Amino acid sequence: MEHPDPLHAGLMCLVDLPPALGRGSLSGRIVWSKLHRTEQSLDGERRRYFQSGLTWAELTPGQLGALVAALDILKASQKG
């Protein structure tokens, strides 16, 4: 996932799926986080974007189904 601030390995987080991916909340644990890119806005402000990998933690069958459905939607959108 991509975000504006670094996250620390081991941090528990809640990921909310947007309506386009079926909605739902998933619990995860940050495994790694690194600076992915920086941008400079027209007014000179520097913006940093981090990416983090996570592992899903203790998903219920419903949450697992929501994750699988969201991944299927993303895969289908990349094929088109």
N, C-alpha and C. Protein backbone atom coordinates (compact mmCIF):
# COMPACT_ATOMS: atom_id res chain seq x y z
N MET A 1 0.84 -1.16 0.00
CA MET A 1 0.00 0.00 0.00
C MET A 1 0.89 1.23 0.00
N GLU A 2 0.35 2.34 -0.46
CA GLU A 2 1.12 3.59 -0.53
C GLU A 2 0.51 4.61 0.43
N HIS A 3 1.38 5.39 1.08
CA HIS A 3 0.94 6.33 2.11
C HIS A 3 1.99 7.43 2.26
N PRO A 4 1.63 8.55 2.92
CA PRO A 4 2.54 9.70 3.00
C PRO A 4 3.59 9.64 4.11
N ASP A 5 3.44 8.77 5.09
CA ASP A 5 4.38 8.71 6.22
C ASP A 5 4.90 7.28 6.37
N PRO A 6 6.15 7.14 6.86
CA PRO A 6 6.68 5.78 7.05
C PRO A 6 5.92 5.05 8.16
N LEU A 7 5.82 3.76 8.01
CA LEU A 7 5.20 2.91 9.03
C LEU A 7 6.26 1.95 9.55
N HIS A 8 6.12 1.54 10.79
CA HIS A 8 7.12 0.67 11.41
C HIS A 8 6.70 -0.79 11.32
N ALA A 9 7.66 -1.66 11.03
CA ALA A 9 7.40 -3.10 10.98
C ALA A 9 6.80 -3.55 12.31
N GLY A 10 5.80 -4.40 12.22
CA GLY A 10 5.12 -4.92 13.40
C GLY A 10 3.86 -4.15 13.77
N LEU A 11 3.69 -2.96 13.21
CA LEU A 11 2.51 -2.14 13.51
C LEU A 11 1.25 -2.81 12.96
N MET A 12 0.23 -2.91 13.79
CA MET A 12 -1.07 -3.42 13.34
C MET A 12 -1.83 -2.27 12.70
N CYS A 13 -2.54 -2.58 11.62
CA CYS A 13 -3.31 -1.54 10.95
C CYS A 13 -4.62 -2.11 10.45
N LEU A 14 -5.55 -1.23 10.16
CA LEU A 14 -6.84 -1.60 9.62
C LEU A 14 -6.93 -1.01 8.22
N VAL A 15 -7.19 -1.85 7.24
CA VAL A 15 -7.30 -1.41 5.85
C VAL A 15 -8.77 -1.46 5.46
N ASP A 16 -9.32 -0.30 5.09
CA ASP A 16 -10.71 -0.24 4.66
C ASP A 16 -10.76 -0.33 3.14
N LEU A 17 -11.49 -1.32 2.64
CA LEU A 17 -11.66 -1.46 1.20
C LEU A 17 -12.69 -0.44 0.72
N PRO A 18 -12.42 0.25 -0.38
CA PRO A 18 -13.36 1.24 -0.90
C PRO A 18 -14.57 0.55 -1.53
N PRO A 19 -15.66 1.29 -1.74
CA PRO A 19 -16.85 0.71 -2.34
C PRO A 19 -16.59 0.00 -3.67
N ALA A 20 -15.69 0.54 -4.47
CA ALA A 20 -15.39 -0.07 -5.77
C ALA A 20 -14.79 -1.47 -5.63
N LEU A 21 -14.23 -1.76 -4.45
CA LEU A 21 -13.64 -3.08 -4.21
C LEU A 21 -14.48 -3.90 -3.24
N GLY A 22 -15.72 -3.49 -3.03
CA GLY A 22 -16.64 -4.29 -2.24
C GLY A 22 -16.79 -3.91 -0.78
N ARG A 23 -16.10 -2.90 -0.33
CA ARG A 23 -16.13 -2.47 1.08
C ARG A 23 -15.65 -3.56 2.04
N GLY A 24 -15.42 -3.17 3.24
CA GLY A 24 -14.97 -4.10 4.28
C GLY A 24 -13.69 -3.61 4.92
N SER A 25 -13.40 -4.09 6.10
CA SER A 25 -12.19 -3.74 6.84
C SER A 25 -11.37 -5.00 7.09
N LEU A 26 -10.06 -4.89 6.86
CA LEU A 26 -9.15 -6.02 7.03
C LEU A 26 -8.04 -5.64 8.01
N SER A 27 -7.71 -6.53 8.91
CA SER A 27 -6.62 -6.30 9.86
C SER A 27 -5.32 -6.83 9.26
N GLY A 28 -4.28 -6.04 9.39
CA GLY A 28 -2.98 -6.47 8.89
C GLY A 28 -1.85 -6.02 9.79
N ARG A 29 -0.67 -6.56 9.53
CA ARG A 29 0.54 -6.19 10.28
C ARG A 29 1.59 -5.77 9.25
N ILE A 30 2.21 -4.61 9.49
CA ILE A 30 3.24 -4.10 8.59
C ILE A 30 4.46 -5.00 8.66
N VAL A 31 4.96 -5.41 7.50
CA VAL A 31 6.14 -6.26 7.42
C VAL A 31 7.36 -5.43 7.04
N TRP A 32 7.19 -4.48 6.12
CA TRP A 32 8.27 -3.59 5.70
C TRP A 32 7.67 -2.28 5.23
N SER A 33 8.48 -1.22 5.23
CA SER A 33 8.07 0.10 4.76
C SER A 33 9.29 0.81 4.20
N LYS A 34 9.14 1.41 3.02
CA LYS A 34 10.28 2.12 2.42
C LYS A 34 9.79 3.31 1.61
N LEU A 35 10.69 4.26 1.42
CA LEU A 35 10.40 5.41 0.57
C LEU A 35 10.30 4.94 -0.86
N HIS A 36 9.20 5.26 -1.51
CA HIS A 36 8.97 4.81 -2.89
C HIS A 36 9.30 5.91 -3.89
N ARG A 37 8.85 7.13 -3.61
CA ARG A 37 9.10 8.23 -4.55
C ARG A 37 8.88 9.56 -3.85
N THR A 38 9.42 10.60 -4.47
CA THR A 38 9.18 11.96 -4.00
C THR A 38 8.71 12.78 -5.19
N GLU A 39 7.92 13.80 -4.89
CA GLU A 39 7.44 14.71 -5.92
C GLU A 39 7.58 16.13 -5.38
N GLN A 40 7.71 17.05 -6.31
CA GLN A 40 7.73 18.45 -5.92
C GLN A 40 6.54 19.12 -6.58
N SER A 41 5.72 19.79 -5.77
CA SER A 41 4.54 20.47 -6.30
C SER A 41 4.96 21.76 -7.00
N LEU A 42 4.04 22.38 -7.69
CA LEU A 42 4.33 23.63 -8.40
C LEU A 42 4.76 24.74 -7.46
N ASP A 43 4.28 24.71 -6.22
CA ASP A 43 4.67 25.74 -5.25
C ASP A 43 5.94 25.38 -4.49
N GLY A 44 6.63 24.32 -4.91
CA GLY A 44 7.91 23.95 -4.32
C GLY A 44 7.85 22.99 -3.15
N GLU A 45 6.66 22.58 -2.76
CA GLU A 45 6.52 21.65 -1.64
C GLU A 45 6.93 20.25 -2.07
N ARG A 46 7.76 19.61 -1.25
CA ARG A 46 8.18 18.23 -1.53
C ARG A 46 7.24 17.26 -0.85
N ARG A 47 6.80 16.28 -1.59
CA ARG A 47 5.92 15.26 -1.04
C ARG A 47 6.61 13.91 -1.15
N ARG A 48 6.54 13.15 -0.07
CA ARG A 48 7.14 11.81 -0.05
C ARG A 48 6.03 10.78 -0.03
N TYR A 49 6.25 9.68 -0.71
CA TYR A 49 5.30 8.58 -0.75
C TYR A 49 6.03 7.30 -0.38
N PHE A 50 5.51 6.64 0.63
CA PHE A 50 6.09 5.39 1.11
C PHE A 50 5.21 4.23 0.65
N GLN A 51 5.81 3.08 0.52
CA GLN A 51 5.07 1.86 0.28
C GLN A 51 5.39 0.89 1.40
N SER A 52 4.38 0.14 1.79
CA SER A 52 4.56 -0.87 2.84
C SER A 52 3.94 -2.17 2.41
N GLY A 53 4.56 -3.25 2.84
CA GLY A 53 4.00 -4.57 2.65
C GLY A 53 3.39 -5.02 3.95
N LEU A 54 2.32 -5.76 3.87
CA LEU A 54 1.72 -6.24 5.10
C LEU A 54 1.24 -7.67 4.94
N THR A 55 1.05 -8.27 6.06
CA THR A 55 0.49 -9.61 6.11
C THR A 55 -0.85 -9.50 6.80
N TRP A 56 -1.80 -10.24 6.32
CA TRP A 56 -3.14 -10.18 6.90
C TRP A 56 -3.16 -10.97 8.20
N ALA A 57 -3.84 -10.44 9.19
CA ALA A 57 -3.85 -11.03 10.52
C ALA A 57 -5.27 -11.44 10.91
N GLU A 58 -5.43 -12.69 11.25
CA GLU A 58 -6.68 -13.19 11.83
C GLU A 58 -7.92 -12.78 11.05
N LEU A 59 -7.94 -13.06 9.75
CA LEU A 59 -9.11 -12.73 8.95
C LEU A 59 -10.23 -13.72 9.20
N THR A 60 -11.43 -13.19 9.33
CA THR A 60 -12.60 -14.05 9.43
C THR A 60 -12.90 -14.59 8.02
N PRO A 61 -13.72 -15.62 7.90
CA PRO A 61 -14.09 -16.09 6.57
C PRO A 61 -14.71 -14.99 5.71
N GLY A 62 -15.50 -14.11 6.31
CA GLY A 62 -16.09 -13.00 5.56
C GLY A 62 -15.05 -12.01 5.06
N GLN A 63 -14.06 -11.71 5.91
CA GLN A 63 -12.99 -10.79 5.51
C GLN A 63 -12.13 -11.42 4.42
N LEU A 64 -11.85 -12.71 4.54
CA LEU A 64 -11.07 -13.40 3.52
C LEU A 64 -11.81 -13.37 2.18
N GLY A 65 -13.12 -13.58 2.22
CA GLY A 65 -13.92 -13.51 1.01
C GLY A 65 -13.89 -12.12 0.39
N ALA A 66 -13.94 -11.08 1.23
CA ALA A 66 -13.87 -9.70 0.74
C ALA A 66 -12.51 -9.42 0.10
N LEU A 67 -11.45 -9.93 0.69
CA LEU A 67 -10.11 -9.74 0.12
C LEU A 67 -9.99 -10.45 -1.22
N VAL A 68 -10.45 -11.67 -1.32
CA VAL A 68 -10.40 -12.41 -2.58
C VAL A 68 -11.20 -11.69 -3.65
N ALA A 69 -12.39 -11.20 -3.30
CA ALA A 69 -13.23 -10.48 -4.26
C ALA A 69 -12.54 -9.20 -4.73
N ALA A 70 -11.92 -8.47 -3.81
CA ALA A 70 -11.22 -7.23 -4.17
C ALA A 70 -10.05 -7.52 -5.11
N LEU A 71 -9.30 -8.57 -4.83
CA LEU A 71 -8.17 -8.94 -5.70
C LEU A 71 -8.67 -9.37 -7.08
N ASP A 72 -9.80 -10.06 -7.14
CA ASP A 72 -10.37 -10.44 -8.43
C ASP A 72 -10.77 -9.21 -9.24
N ILE A 73 -11.35 -8.21 -8.58
CA ILE A 73 -11.72 -6.96 -9.26
C ILE A 73 -10.49 -6.26 -9.80
N LEU A 74 -9.43 -6.19 -8.99
CA LEU A 74 -8.20 -5.54 -9.44
C LEU A 74 -7.56 -6.28 -10.61
N LYS A 75 -7.53 -7.60 -10.56
CA LYS A 75 -6.98 -8.39 -11.65
C LYS A 75 -7.76 -8.15 -12.94
N ALA A 76 -9.08 -8.17 -12.85
CA ALA A 76 -9.92 -7.96 -14.03
C ALA A 76 -9.70 -6.57 -14.63
N SER A 77 -9.49 -5.57 -13.79
CA SER A 77 -9.29 -4.20 -14.29
C SER A 77 -7.96 -4.06 -15.00
N GLN A 78 -6.97 -4.86 -14.66
CA GLN A 78 -5.67 -4.79 -15.31
C GLN A 78 -5.65 -5.50 -16.65
N LYS A 79 -6.55 -6.45 -16.84
CA LYS A 79 -6.62 -7.18 -18.11
C LYS A 79 -7.26 -6.36 -19.20
N GLY A 80 -8.17 -5.46 -18.82
CA GLY A 80 -8.94 -4.69 -19.80
C GLY A 80 -8.17 -3.56 -20.32
